[in-house]
């Protein structure tokens, strides 16, 4: 799979098992995500078009891995367990959170990643600085809070499924957005969700996302 992805794309596609992933996050070991993966395979569909994101699914949060993650990886803090399924193939934009995000690959998919310290004056980010990583089915990755990311990209016609674990309340509506003199405040879109969108990504722009991505909105092929 990784060899084919590199043959059909004009940007390098690396594995999350590669040392190049270390500045962005780590592959988790010691957790058994099988109950969550089984639920995802049985109960959550892939939409015919676009993506679907659900921030919190009580049935996933009731499974044993959720309590273990909250107690260990998140240090006793409350978390939410949801999912993102879809057919995305384009870069579109970036988000980041204050706190790690865990993605569990129910299917193979790709992630496009950057670093918050690569954000330039005017809240702009150059796509040429991003890297693409392949996540194999069954792998669980922790992405650090300084890692820019967004929706996975599919590697087959059927689309992708991924479990998304975050500090509780993340990606939910923000009642009062009041930017101040800190430039970062202009990127705050939802609770614990800072976003830079590509100017062509109209759904994000309509939501109020800052159109700061510089460069073509690339498509990833498979």
N, C-alpha and C. Protein backbone atom coordinates (compact mmCIF):
# COMPACT_ATOMS: atom_id res chain seq x y z
N UNK A 1 0.83 -1.21 0.00
CA UNK A 1 0.00 0.00 0.00
C UNK A 1 0.87 1.26 0.00
N UNK A 2 1.84 1.31 0.89
CA UNK A 2 2.69 2.51 0.99
C UNK A 2 3.45 2.74 -0.31
N UNK A 3 3.93 1.66 -0.91
CA UNK A 3 4.65 1.79 -2.18
C UNK A 3 3.74 2.37 -3.26
N UNK A 4 2.50 1.88 -3.32
CA UNK A 4 1.58 2.37 -4.34
C UNK A 4 1.24 3.84 -4.12
N UNK A 5 1.03 4.24 -2.86
CA UNK A 5 0.71 5.64 -2.57
C UNK A 5 1.83 6.57 -3.00
N UNK A 6 3.06 6.12 -2.86
CA UNK A 6 4.18 6.95 -3.31
C UNK A 6 4.31 6.99 -4.82
N UNK A 7 3.85 5.96 -5.48
CA UNK A 7 3.91 5.94 -6.95
C UNK A 7 2.91 6.90 -7.58
N UNK A 8 1.75 7.08 -6.93
CA UNK A 8 0.68 7.86 -7.57
C UNK A 8 0.58 9.29 -7.07
N UNK A 9 1.39 9.65 -6.07
CA UNK A 9 1.34 11.02 -5.53
C UNK A 9 2.65 11.75 -5.79
N UNK A 10 2.55 13.09 -5.91
CA UNK A 10 3.74 13.89 -6.18
C UNK A 10 4.36 14.46 -4.90
N UNK A 11 3.88 13.97 -3.75
CA UNK A 11 4.50 14.30 -2.46
C UNK A 11 4.84 12.98 -1.77
N UNK A 12 5.90 12.95 -0.97
CA UNK A 12 6.24 11.71 -0.26
C UNK A 12 5.13 11.30 0.72
N UNK A 13 4.85 10.02 0.79
CA UNK A 13 3.93 9.47 1.78
C UNK A 13 4.74 8.53 2.67
N UNK A 14 4.85 8.89 3.94
CA UNK A 14 5.63 8.10 4.88
C UNK A 14 4.69 7.35 5.82
N UNK A 15 5.19 6.33 6.45
CA UNK A 15 4.41 5.58 7.44
C UNK A 15 4.53 6.25 8.80
N UNK A 16 3.49 6.11 9.63
CA UNK A 16 3.59 6.59 11.00
C UNK A 16 4.59 5.77 11.80
N UNK A 17 5.02 4.64 11.25
CA UNK A 17 6.06 3.83 11.90
C UNK A 17 7.45 4.36 11.58
N UNK A 18 7.53 5.33 10.67
CA UNK A 18 8.80 5.93 10.28
C UNK A 18 9.24 6.95 11.34
N UNK A 19 10.57 7.10 11.47
CA UNK A 19 11.10 8.07 12.45
C UNK A 19 10.65 9.49 12.15
N UNK A 20 10.28 9.78 10.90
CA UNK A 20 9.83 11.13 10.54
C UNK A 20 8.54 11.52 11.25
N UNK A 21 7.80 10.54 11.79
CA UNK A 21 6.55 10.85 12.48
C UNK A 21 6.79 11.37 13.90
N UNK A 22 7.97 11.13 14.46
CA UNK A 22 8.23 11.43 15.87
C UNK A 22 7.95 12.88 16.27
N UNK A 23 8.26 13.90 15.45
CA UNK A 23 7.95 15.27 15.87
C UNK A 23 6.45 15.58 15.92
N UNK A 24 5.64 14.73 15.30
CA UNK A 24 4.20 14.97 15.23
C UNK A 24 3.42 14.18 16.29
N UNK A 25 3.95 13.02 16.66
CA UNK A 25 3.22 12.18 17.59
C UNK A 25 3.89 10.84 17.76
N UNK A 26 3.11 9.87 18.21
CA UNK A 26 3.65 8.52 18.43
C UNK A 26 2.57 7.49 18.19
N UNK A 27 3.01 6.29 17.84
CA UNK A 27 2.09 5.16 17.72
C UNK A 27 1.93 4.54 19.10
N UNK A 28 0.70 4.40 19.55
CA UNK A 28 0.44 3.91 20.91
C UNK A 28 0.61 2.40 20.99
N UNK A 29 1.13 1.95 22.11
CA UNK A 29 1.25 0.53 22.42
C UNK A 29 0.67 0.29 23.79
N UNK A 30 0.20 -0.94 24.02
CA UNK A 30 -0.30 -1.30 25.34
C UNK A 30 -1.78 -1.11 25.55
N UNK A 31 -2.50 -0.62 24.53
CA UNK A 31 -3.95 -0.45 24.63
C UNK A 31 -4.62 -1.44 23.66
N UNK A 32 -5.75 -1.97 24.08
CA UNK A 32 -6.53 -2.87 23.23
C UNK A 32 -7.77 -2.13 22.72
N UNK A 33 -7.69 -1.68 21.48
CA UNK A 33 -8.79 -0.92 20.90
C UNK A 33 -9.79 -1.82 20.16
N UNK A 34 -9.63 -3.13 20.27
CA UNK A 34 -10.49 -4.05 19.52
C UNK A 34 -11.98 -3.82 19.77
N UNK A 35 -12.42 -3.59 21.02
CA UNK A 35 -13.87 -3.37 21.21
C UNK A 35 -14.38 -2.13 20.49
N UNK A 36 -13.58 -1.07 20.45
CA UNK A 36 -13.99 0.15 19.74
C UNK A 36 -14.01 -0.09 18.23
N UNK A 37 -13.00 -0.77 17.72
CA UNK A 37 -12.94 -1.05 16.28
C UNK A 37 -14.13 -1.91 15.87
N UNK A 38 -14.46 -2.91 16.69
CA UNK A 38 -15.61 -3.78 16.39
C UNK A 38 -16.90 -2.98 16.33
N UNK A 39 -17.09 -2.06 17.28
CA UNK A 39 -18.29 -1.21 17.25
C UNK A 39 -18.33 -0.37 15.98
N UNK A 40 -17.20 0.22 15.64
CA UNK A 40 -17.14 1.08 14.46
C UNK A 40 -17.48 0.30 13.19
N UNK A 41 -16.97 -0.90 13.09
CA UNK A 41 -17.22 -1.71 11.88
C UNK A 41 -18.69 -2.10 11.78
N UNK A 42 -19.33 -2.33 12.91
CA UNK A 42 -20.73 -2.78 12.91
C UNK A 42 -21.74 -1.64 12.82
N UNK A 43 -21.44 -0.52 13.47
CA UNK A 43 -22.48 0.46 13.75
C UNK A 43 -22.35 1.79 13.01
N UNK A 44 -21.21 2.08 12.39
CA UNK A 44 -21.05 3.41 11.79
C UNK A 44 -20.83 3.31 10.29
N UNK A 45 -21.66 3.98 9.51
CA UNK A 45 -21.52 3.92 8.05
C UNK A 45 -20.52 4.95 7.53
N UNK A 46 -20.08 4.73 6.31
CA UNK A 46 -19.31 5.72 5.57
C UNK A 46 -20.29 6.46 4.66
N UNK A 47 -20.36 7.78 4.72
CA UNK A 47 -21.32 8.50 3.88
C UNK A 47 -21.00 8.35 2.39
N UNK A 48 -22.02 8.53 1.57
CA UNK A 48 -21.83 8.43 0.12
C UNK A 48 -20.95 9.55 -0.40
N UNK A 49 -21.03 10.72 0.23
CA UNK A 49 -20.22 11.86 -0.17
C UNK A 49 -19.71 12.58 1.08
N UNK A 50 -18.52 13.16 0.97
CA UNK A 50 -17.99 13.96 2.06
C UNK A 50 -17.65 13.13 3.28
N UNK A 51 -17.62 13.81 4.42
CA UNK A 51 -17.28 13.19 5.70
C UNK A 51 -18.41 13.38 6.69
N UNK A 52 -18.43 12.52 7.71
CA UNK A 52 -19.28 12.72 8.86
C UNK A 52 -18.40 12.67 10.10
N UNK A 53 -18.58 13.65 10.99
CA UNK A 53 -17.83 13.69 12.25
C UNK A 53 -18.81 13.76 13.40
N UNK A 54 -18.64 12.88 14.37
CA UNK A 54 -19.44 12.87 15.59
C UNK A 54 -18.46 12.98 16.74
N UNK A 55 -18.57 14.03 17.54
CA UNK A 55 -17.57 14.29 18.58
C UNK A 55 -17.64 13.31 19.73
N UNK A 56 -18.83 12.88 20.10
CA UNK A 56 -19.00 12.05 21.29
C UNK A 56 -20.05 10.98 21.04
N UNK A 57 -19.65 9.71 21.24
CA UNK A 57 -20.56 8.58 21.07
C UNK A 57 -20.59 7.82 22.40
N UNK A 58 -21.68 7.90 23.16
CA UNK A 58 -21.72 7.25 24.46
C UNK A 58 -21.38 5.76 24.43
N UNK A 59 -21.79 5.06 23.38
CA UNK A 59 -21.49 3.63 23.30
C UNK A 59 -20.00 3.36 23.22
N UNK A 60 -19.24 4.22 22.51
CA UNK A 60 -17.79 4.08 22.46
C UNK A 60 -17.16 4.47 23.79
N UNK A 61 -17.70 5.50 24.41
CA UNK A 61 -17.16 5.98 25.69
C UNK A 61 -17.41 5.01 26.83
N UNK A 62 -18.37 4.10 26.65
CA UNK A 62 -18.67 3.11 27.69
C UNK A 62 -17.75 1.90 27.63
N UNK A 63 -16.96 1.80 26.59
CA UNK A 63 -16.07 0.64 26.43
C UNK A 63 -14.79 0.82 27.25
N UNK A 64 -14.19 -0.29 27.62
CA UNK A 64 -13.04 -0.28 28.53
C UNK A 64 -11.88 0.59 28.07
N UNK A 65 -11.52 0.62 26.78
CA UNK A 65 -10.37 1.44 26.39
C UNK A 65 -10.53 2.92 26.72
N UNK A 66 -11.76 3.42 26.72
CA UNK A 66 -11.98 4.85 27.01
C UNK A 66 -11.57 5.19 28.44
N UNK A 67 -11.99 4.37 29.39
CA UNK A 67 -11.63 4.62 30.78
C UNK A 67 -10.13 4.50 30.99
N UNK A 68 -9.51 3.55 30.32
CA UNK A 68 -8.06 3.37 30.46
C UNK A 68 -7.31 4.57 29.90
N UNK A 69 -7.73 5.05 28.75
CA UNK A 69 -7.08 6.23 28.16
C UNK A 69 -7.25 7.46 29.05
N UNK A 70 -8.46 7.67 29.55
CA UNK A 70 -8.70 8.83 30.41
C UNK A 70 -7.80 8.80 31.65
N UNK A 71 -7.61 7.60 32.18
CA UNK A 71 -6.84 7.47 33.42
C UNK A 71 -5.34 7.56 33.20
N UNK A 72 -4.89 7.20 31.99
CA UNK A 72 -3.44 7.11 31.75
C UNK A 72 -2.97 8.19 30.79
N UNK A 73 -3.28 8.06 29.53
CA UNK A 73 -2.77 9.00 28.53
C UNK A 73 -3.21 10.43 28.83
N UNK A 74 -4.45 10.60 29.30
CA UNK A 74 -4.95 11.95 29.59
C UNK A 74 -4.84 12.32 31.07
N UNK A 75 -4.17 11.48 31.85
CA UNK A 75 -3.84 11.84 33.23
C UNK A 75 -5.01 12.09 34.13
N UNK A 76 -6.11 11.37 33.90
CA UNK A 76 -7.28 11.53 34.76
C UNK A 76 -8.25 12.60 34.32
N UNK A 77 -7.99 13.22 33.17
CA UNK A 77 -8.89 14.25 32.66
C UNK A 77 -10.05 13.62 31.89
N UNK A 78 -11.20 14.28 31.84
CA UNK A 78 -12.34 13.75 31.08
C UNK A 78 -12.08 13.82 29.57
N UNK A 79 -12.52 12.79 28.86
CA UNK A 79 -12.31 12.73 27.41
C UNK A 79 -13.63 12.46 26.71
N UNK A 80 -13.60 12.60 25.39
CA UNK A 80 -14.71 12.21 24.54
C UNK A 80 -14.19 11.26 23.47
N UNK A 81 -15.03 10.33 23.08
CA UNK A 81 -14.68 9.37 22.03
C UNK A 81 -15.73 9.47 20.95
N UNK A 82 -15.31 9.83 19.76
CA UNK A 82 -16.21 9.93 18.61
C UNK A 82 -15.57 9.31 17.39
N UNK A 83 -16.01 9.77 16.23
CA UNK A 83 -15.44 9.19 15.02
C UNK A 83 -15.55 10.15 13.84
N UNK A 84 -14.72 9.89 12.85
CA UNK A 84 -14.79 10.58 11.56
C UNK A 84 -14.73 9.52 10.48
N UNK A 85 -15.77 9.43 9.67
CA UNK A 85 -15.82 8.51 8.53
C UNK A 85 -16.04 9.34 7.27
N UNK A 86 -15.47 8.91 6.15
CA UNK A 86 -15.72 9.68 4.94
C UNK A 86 -14.93 9.25 3.74
N UNK A 87 -14.89 10.18 2.78
CA UNK A 87 -14.27 9.91 1.48
C UNK A 87 -13.31 11.02 1.06
N UNK A 88 -12.85 11.79 2.02
CA UNK A 88 -12.00 12.93 1.71
C UNK A 88 -10.73 12.52 0.97
N UNK A 89 -10.29 13.38 0.02
CA UNK A 89 -9.02 13.17 -0.68
C UNK A 89 -8.19 14.45 -0.77
N UNK A 90 -8.72 15.57 -0.28
CA UNK A 90 -8.01 16.85 -0.42
C UNK A 90 -7.53 17.38 0.92
N UNK A 91 -6.60 18.35 0.85
CA UNK A 91 -5.93 18.84 2.06
C UNK A 91 -6.85 19.76 2.86
N UNK A 92 -7.46 20.73 2.22
CA UNK A 92 -8.54 21.58 2.77
C UNK A 92 -8.15 22.55 3.88
N UNK A 93 -7.44 22.11 4.88
CA UNK A 93 -7.12 23.01 5.98
C UNK A 93 -6.45 22.27 7.12
N UNK A 94 -6.27 23.00 8.22
CA UNK A 94 -5.66 22.42 9.42
C UNK A 94 -6.42 22.89 10.65
N UNK A 95 -6.41 22.05 11.67
CA UNK A 95 -6.87 22.43 12.99
C UNK A 95 -5.84 21.97 14.01
N UNK A 96 -5.95 22.53 15.22
CA UNK A 96 -5.17 22.00 16.33
C UNK A 96 -5.93 22.25 17.62
N UNK A 97 -5.52 21.55 18.67
CA UNK A 97 -6.20 21.61 19.95
C UNK A 97 -5.17 21.79 21.06
N UNK A 98 -5.61 22.20 22.23
CA UNK A 98 -4.75 22.25 23.40
C UNK A 98 -4.95 20.93 24.16
N UNK A 99 -4.11 19.97 23.82
CA UNK A 99 -4.24 18.60 24.32
C UNK A 99 -4.14 17.64 23.15
N UNK A 100 -3.59 16.45 23.40
CA UNK A 100 -3.37 15.48 22.33
C UNK A 100 -4.69 14.97 21.75
N UNK A 101 -4.63 14.58 20.48
CA UNK A 101 -5.73 13.87 19.82
C UNK A 101 -5.25 12.47 19.49
N UNK A 102 -6.06 11.48 19.78
CA UNK A 102 -5.77 10.09 19.42
C UNK A 102 -6.67 9.70 18.26
N UNK A 103 -6.08 9.18 17.21
CA UNK A 103 -6.81 8.60 16.09
C UNK A 103 -6.56 7.11 16.04
N UNK A 104 -7.62 6.32 15.95
CA UNK A 104 -7.50 4.87 15.79
C UNK A 104 -8.00 4.54 14.39
N UNK A 105 -7.15 3.90 13.60
CA UNK A 105 -7.49 3.60 12.21
C UNK A 105 -8.34 2.33 12.15
N UNK A 106 -9.63 2.51 11.91
CA UNK A 106 -10.53 1.37 11.71
C UNK A 106 -10.30 0.80 10.31
N UNK A 107 -9.92 1.68 9.38
CA UNK A 107 -9.45 1.30 8.05
C UNK A 107 -8.10 2.00 7.84
N UNK A 108 -7.38 1.60 6.82
CA UNK A 108 -6.21 2.37 6.42
C UNK A 108 -6.64 3.78 6.04
N UNK A 109 -5.80 4.77 6.31
CA UNK A 109 -6.01 6.11 5.77
C UNK A 109 -4.71 6.90 5.82
N UNK A 110 -4.73 8.10 5.25
CA UNK A 110 -3.59 9.01 5.29
C UNK A 110 -3.92 10.23 6.13
N UNK A 111 -2.90 10.80 6.77
CA UNK A 111 -3.03 12.05 7.51
C UNK A 111 -2.06 13.08 6.94
N UNK A 112 -2.52 14.31 6.82
CA UNK A 112 -1.66 15.42 6.39
C UNK A 112 -1.37 16.26 7.63
N UNK A 113 -0.09 16.41 7.95
CA UNK A 113 0.30 17.00 9.23
C UNK A 113 1.27 18.16 9.05
N UNK A 114 1.19 19.09 9.98
CA UNK A 114 2.13 20.20 10.05
C UNK A 114 2.41 20.53 11.51
N UNK A 115 3.10 21.63 11.74
CA UNK A 115 3.44 22.06 13.10
C UNK A 115 2.89 23.47 13.34
N UNK A 116 2.42 23.72 14.55
CA UNK A 116 1.92 25.06 14.86
C UNK A 116 3.01 26.11 14.73
N UNK A 117 4.27 25.74 14.98
CA UNK A 117 5.34 26.74 14.90
C UNK A 117 5.68 27.11 13.46
N UNK A 118 5.05 26.43 12.49
CA UNK A 118 5.23 26.80 11.09
C UNK A 118 4.20 27.83 10.63
N UNK A 119 3.27 28.18 11.51
CA UNK A 119 2.30 29.24 11.18
C UNK A 119 3.04 30.57 11.14
N UNK A 120 2.86 31.32 10.06
CA UNK A 120 3.61 32.55 9.84
C UNK A 120 2.77 33.78 10.15
N UNK A 121 3.38 34.96 9.96
CA UNK A 121 2.69 36.22 10.21
C UNK A 121 1.39 36.27 9.41
N UNK A 122 0.38 36.86 10.01
CA UNK A 122 -0.92 36.92 9.36
C UNK A 122 -1.69 35.62 9.44
N UNK A 123 -1.27 34.71 10.32
CA UNK A 123 -1.93 33.41 10.46
C UNK A 123 -1.97 32.65 9.14
N UNK A 124 -0.84 32.61 8.45
CA UNK A 124 -0.75 31.87 7.20
C UNK A 124 0.12 30.63 7.41
N UNK A 125 -0.13 29.63 6.58
CA UNK A 125 0.65 28.40 6.61
C UNK A 125 0.87 27.97 5.17
N UNK A 126 2.11 27.61 4.87
CA UNK A 126 2.45 27.16 3.52
C UNK A 126 2.33 25.64 3.43
N UNK A 127 1.49 25.19 2.51
CA UNK A 127 1.25 23.76 2.36
C UNK A 127 2.54 22.98 2.07
N UNK A 128 3.52 23.65 1.48
CA UNK A 128 4.77 22.98 1.15
C UNK A 128 5.49 22.47 2.40
N UNK A 129 5.13 22.97 3.57
CA UNK A 129 5.76 22.53 4.81
C UNK A 129 5.11 21.28 5.41
N UNK A 130 3.97 20.88 4.88
CA UNK A 130 3.23 19.75 5.44
C UNK A 130 3.84 18.42 4.99
N UNK A 131 3.55 17.37 5.76
CA UNK A 131 3.97 16.02 5.41
C UNK A 131 2.77 15.09 5.46
N UNK A 132 2.82 14.05 4.65
CA UNK A 132 1.73 13.08 4.56
C UNK A 132 2.18 11.75 5.16
N UNK A 133 1.31 11.18 6.00
CA UNK A 133 1.62 9.91 6.66
C UNK A 133 0.51 8.89 6.43
N UNK A 134 0.92 7.67 6.20
CA UNK A 134 0.01 6.54 6.04
C UNK A 134 -0.19 5.87 7.39
N UNK A 135 -1.45 5.64 7.75
CA UNK A 135 -1.79 4.97 9.01
C UNK A 135 -2.46 3.65 8.69
N UNK A 136 -1.83 2.51 9.02
CA UNK A 136 -2.43 1.22 8.68
C UNK A 136 -3.59 0.86 9.60
N UNK A 137 -4.50 0.07 9.09
CA UNK A 137 -5.65 -0.39 9.86
C UNK A 137 -5.20 -0.98 11.19
N UNK A 138 -5.87 -0.57 12.27
CA UNK A 138 -5.57 -1.08 13.60
C UNK A 138 -4.59 -0.26 14.39
N UNK A 139 -3.86 0.64 13.73
CA UNK A 139 -2.89 1.48 14.44
C UNK A 139 -3.61 2.60 15.18
N UNK A 140 -3.07 2.96 16.33
CA UNK A 140 -3.58 4.10 17.11
C UNK A 140 -2.44 5.09 17.28
N UNK A 141 -2.69 6.33 16.89
CA UNK A 141 -1.64 7.34 16.97
C UNK A 141 -2.08 8.49 17.87
N UNK A 142 -1.15 8.93 18.70
CA UNK A 142 -1.35 10.15 19.47
C UNK A 142 -0.70 11.30 18.72
N UNK A 143 -1.47 12.33 18.39
CA UNK A 143 -0.92 13.53 17.77
C UNK A 143 -0.81 14.61 18.84
N UNK A 144 0.38 15.16 18.99
CA UNK A 144 0.63 16.15 20.03
C UNK A 144 -0.14 17.44 19.74
N UNK A 145 -0.32 18.26 20.77
CA UNK A 145 -1.14 19.47 20.61
C UNK A 145 -0.51 20.48 19.66
N UNK A 146 0.76 20.36 19.38
CA UNK A 146 1.42 21.26 18.43
C UNK A 146 1.32 20.77 16.99
N UNK A 147 0.59 19.68 16.77
CA UNK A 147 0.47 19.08 15.44
C UNK A 147 -0.78 19.59 14.73
N UNK A 148 -0.59 20.17 13.57
CA UNK A 148 -1.70 20.57 12.71
C UNK A 148 -2.22 19.34 11.97
N UNK A 149 -3.53 19.23 11.86
CA UNK A 149 -4.13 18.07 11.21
C UNK A 149 -5.55 18.44 10.81
N UNK A 150 -6.21 17.56 10.12
CA UNK A 150 -7.65 17.71 9.84
C UNK A 150 -8.18 16.31 9.53
N UNK A 151 -9.12 16.21 8.65
CA UNK A 151 -9.71 14.92 8.32
C UNK A 151 -8.68 13.99 7.69
N UNK A 152 -8.77 12.69 7.96
CA UNK A 152 -7.98 11.73 7.19
C UNK A 152 -8.34 11.78 5.71
N UNK A 153 -7.51 11.15 4.88
CA UNK A 153 -7.79 10.97 3.46
C UNK A 153 -7.87 9.48 3.15
N UNK A 154 -8.79 9.11 2.32
CA UNK A 154 -8.99 7.69 2.02
C UNK A 154 -7.87 7.12 1.16
N UNK A 155 -7.76 5.80 1.19
CA UNK A 155 -6.79 5.11 0.34
C UNK A 155 -7.46 4.04 -0.51
N UNK A 156 -8.81 4.08 -0.56
CA UNK A 156 -9.55 3.15 -1.41
C UNK A 156 -10.90 3.77 -1.73
N UNK A 157 -11.60 3.20 -2.71
CA UNK A 157 -12.88 3.75 -3.14
C UNK A 157 -13.92 3.77 -2.02
N UNK A 158 -13.85 2.80 -1.13
CA UNK A 158 -14.88 2.66 -0.09
C UNK A 158 -14.84 3.79 0.94
N UNK A 159 -13.70 4.48 1.07
CA UNK A 159 -13.58 5.55 2.05
C UNK A 159 -12.79 5.11 3.27
N UNK A 160 -12.95 5.85 4.36
CA UNK A 160 -12.19 5.56 5.57
C UNK A 160 -13.09 5.63 6.80
N UNK A 161 -12.63 4.98 7.89
CA UNK A 161 -13.25 5.09 9.20
C UNK A 161 -12.14 5.31 10.24
N UNK A 162 -12.38 6.25 11.15
CA UNK A 162 -11.41 6.50 12.20
C UNK A 162 -12.06 6.92 13.49
N UNK A 163 -11.55 6.39 14.60
CA UNK A 163 -11.99 6.80 15.93
C UNK A 163 -11.21 8.05 16.32
N UNK A 164 -11.88 9.02 16.93
CA UNK A 164 -11.26 10.29 17.32
C UNK A 164 -11.47 10.52 18.81
N UNK A 165 -10.37 10.62 19.55
CA UNK A 165 -10.42 10.77 21.00
C UNK A 165 -9.75 12.09 21.38
N UNK A 166 -10.44 12.89 22.19
CA UNK A 166 -9.99 14.24 22.52
C UNK A 166 -10.41 14.63 23.92
N UNK A 167 -9.83 15.68 24.50
CA UNK A 167 -10.36 16.22 25.76
C UNK A 167 -11.84 16.58 25.60
N UNK A 168 -12.62 16.27 26.61
CA UNK A 168 -14.08 16.46 26.51
C UNK A 168 -14.44 17.92 26.24
N UNK A 169 -15.37 18.08 25.31
CA UNK A 169 -15.85 19.40 24.91
C UNK A 169 -15.22 19.93 23.65
N UNK A 170 -14.13 19.30 23.20
CA UNK A 170 -13.45 19.76 21.99
C UNK A 170 -14.36 19.61 20.77
N UNK A 171 -14.25 20.56 19.84
CA UNK A 171 -15.01 20.53 18.58
C UNK A 171 -16.51 20.67 18.78
N UNK A 172 -16.91 21.29 19.87
CA UNK A 172 -18.33 21.57 20.09
C UNK A 172 -18.56 23.08 19.98
N UNK A 173 -19.79 23.51 19.80
CA UNK A 173 -20.04 24.94 19.55
C UNK A 173 -19.50 25.84 20.65
N UNK A 174 -18.97 26.96 20.22
CA UNK A 174 -18.41 27.97 21.13
C UNK A 174 -19.39 29.13 21.19
N UNK A 175 -19.89 29.42 22.37
CA UNK A 175 -20.95 30.42 22.50
C UNK A 175 -20.46 31.85 22.28
N UNK A 176 -19.26 32.13 22.74
CA UNK A 176 -18.78 33.51 22.69
C UNK A 176 -17.36 33.56 22.15
N UNK A 177 -17.21 33.97 20.89
CA UNK A 177 -15.89 34.11 20.29
C UNK A 177 -15.52 35.60 20.32
N UNK A 178 -14.49 35.92 21.07
CA UNK A 178 -14.11 37.32 21.23
C UNK A 178 -12.61 37.47 20.99
N UNK A 179 -12.19 37.60 19.72
CA UNK A 179 -10.76 37.76 19.43
C UNK A 179 -10.17 38.98 20.14
N UNK A 180 -8.93 38.85 20.59
CA UNK A 180 -8.25 39.97 21.22
C UNK A 180 -6.98 40.29 20.44
N UNK A 181 -6.01 40.89 21.08
CA UNK A 181 -4.79 41.30 20.39
C UNK A 181 -3.87 40.14 20.05
N UNK A 182 -4.13 38.98 20.60
CA UNK A 182 -3.34 37.79 20.29
C UNK A 182 -3.77 37.26 18.93
N UNK A 183 -2.87 37.19 17.94
CA UNK A 183 -3.26 36.71 16.61
C UNK A 183 -3.91 35.33 16.62
N UNK A 184 -3.49 34.47 17.55
CA UNK A 184 -4.06 33.12 17.61
C UNK A 184 -5.56 33.15 17.86
N UNK A 185 -6.02 34.17 18.57
CA UNK A 185 -7.44 34.22 18.94
C UNK A 185 -8.34 34.28 17.71
N UNK A 186 -7.81 34.76 16.59
CA UNK A 186 -8.59 34.84 15.36
C UNK A 186 -8.79 33.49 14.70
N UNK A 187 -8.05 32.48 15.15
CA UNK A 187 -8.17 31.13 14.59
C UNK A 187 -9.17 30.27 15.35
N UNK A 188 -9.61 30.72 16.52
CA UNK A 188 -10.52 29.93 17.35
C UNK A 188 -11.88 29.84 16.68
N UNK A 189 -12.31 28.61 16.37
CA UNK A 189 -13.56 28.41 15.64
C UNK A 189 -14.61 27.73 16.50
N UNK A 190 -14.21 26.71 17.25
CA UNK A 190 -15.10 26.03 18.18
C UNK A 190 -14.35 25.81 19.49
N UNK A 191 -14.99 25.15 20.44
CA UNK A 191 -14.31 24.91 21.72
C UNK A 191 -13.05 24.09 21.50
N UNK A 192 -11.93 24.61 21.97
CA UNK A 192 -10.64 23.93 21.88
C UNK A 192 -10.32 23.53 20.44
N UNK A 193 -10.66 24.38 19.47
CA UNK A 193 -10.45 24.07 18.05
C UNK A 193 -10.04 25.35 17.33
N UNK A 194 -8.76 25.40 16.95
CA UNK A 194 -8.22 26.51 16.18
C UNK A 194 -8.03 26.05 14.76
N UNK A 195 -8.46 26.85 13.76
CA UNK A 195 -8.53 26.38 12.38
C UNK A 195 -7.92 27.39 11.41
N UNK A 196 -7.14 26.87 10.46
CA UNK A 196 -6.71 27.62 9.28
C UNK A 196 -7.23 26.87 8.08
N UNK A 197 -8.01 27.52 7.23
CA UNK A 197 -8.63 26.86 6.09
C UNK A 197 -7.98 27.30 4.78
N UNK A 198 -8.09 26.44 3.78
CA UNK A 198 -7.71 26.85 2.44
C UNK A 198 -8.83 27.75 1.90
N UNK A 199 -8.48 28.82 1.19
CA UNK A 199 -9.52 29.74 0.69
C UNK A 199 -10.58 29.06 -0.16
N UNK A 200 -10.25 27.92 -0.79
CA UNK A 200 -11.23 27.21 -1.61
C UNK A 200 -12.17 26.34 -0.80
N UNK A 201 -11.86 26.16 0.48
CA UNK A 201 -12.68 25.27 1.33
C UNK A 201 -13.86 26.06 1.89
N UNK A 202 -14.86 26.25 1.03
CA UNK A 202 -15.97 27.14 1.36
C UNK A 202 -16.76 26.73 2.61
N UNK A 203 -17.02 25.44 2.85
CA UNK A 203 -17.77 25.10 4.07
C UNK A 203 -17.08 25.59 5.34
N UNK A 204 -15.76 25.47 5.41
CA UNK A 204 -15.03 25.96 6.58
C UNK A 204 -15.05 27.49 6.65
N UNK A 205 -14.89 28.14 5.51
CA UNK A 205 -14.89 29.60 5.48
C UNK A 205 -16.24 30.14 5.95
N UNK A 206 -17.32 29.49 5.50
CA UNK A 206 -18.67 29.94 5.91
C UNK A 206 -18.88 29.79 7.42
N UNK A 207 -18.20 28.83 8.03
CA UNK A 207 -18.30 28.65 9.47
C UNK A 207 -17.50 29.70 10.24
N UNK A 208 -16.67 30.45 9.51
CA UNK A 208 -15.87 31.48 10.16
C UNK A 208 -14.40 31.16 10.27
N UNK A 209 -13.95 30.09 9.60
CA UNK A 209 -12.54 29.72 9.65
C UNK A 209 -11.68 30.75 8.92
N UNK A 210 -10.48 30.97 9.42
CA UNK A 210 -9.56 31.92 8.82
C UNK A 210 -8.95 31.32 7.55
N UNK A 211 -9.05 32.01 6.39
CA UNK A 211 -8.52 31.48 5.12
C UNK A 211 -7.03 31.76 4.98
N UNK A 212 -6.20 31.00 5.69
CA UNK A 212 -4.79 31.33 5.74
C UNK A 212 -3.84 30.34 5.09
N UNK A 213 -4.35 29.29 4.44
CA UNK A 213 -3.46 28.31 3.82
C UNK A 213 -2.99 28.81 2.46
N UNK A 214 -1.68 28.72 2.24
CA UNK A 214 -1.06 29.24 1.03
C UNK A 214 -0.58 28.07 0.19
N UNK A 215 -1.01 28.03 -1.07
CA UNK A 215 -0.60 26.97 -1.98
C UNK A 215 -1.82 26.23 -2.50
N UNK A 216 -1.62 25.36 -3.50
CA UNK A 216 -2.75 24.63 -4.08
C UNK A 216 -3.36 23.65 -3.09
N UNK A 217 -4.68 23.50 -3.17
CA UNK A 217 -5.39 22.53 -2.33
C UNK A 217 -5.23 21.15 -2.96
N UNK A 218 -4.13 20.52 -2.65
CA UNK A 218 -3.76 19.27 -3.32
C UNK A 218 -4.77 18.16 -3.08
N UNK A 219 -4.81 17.24 -4.02
CA UNK A 219 -5.58 16.01 -3.87
C UNK A 219 -4.61 14.86 -3.73
N UNK A 220 -4.91 13.96 -2.80
CA UNK A 220 -4.10 12.76 -2.64
C UNK A 220 -4.78 11.61 -3.39
N UNK A 221 -3.94 10.83 -4.07
CA UNK A 221 -4.44 9.74 -4.90
C UNK A 221 -4.11 8.40 -4.28
N UNK A 222 -4.80 7.38 -4.76
CA UNK A 222 -4.59 6.01 -4.27
C UNK A 222 -4.73 5.02 -5.42
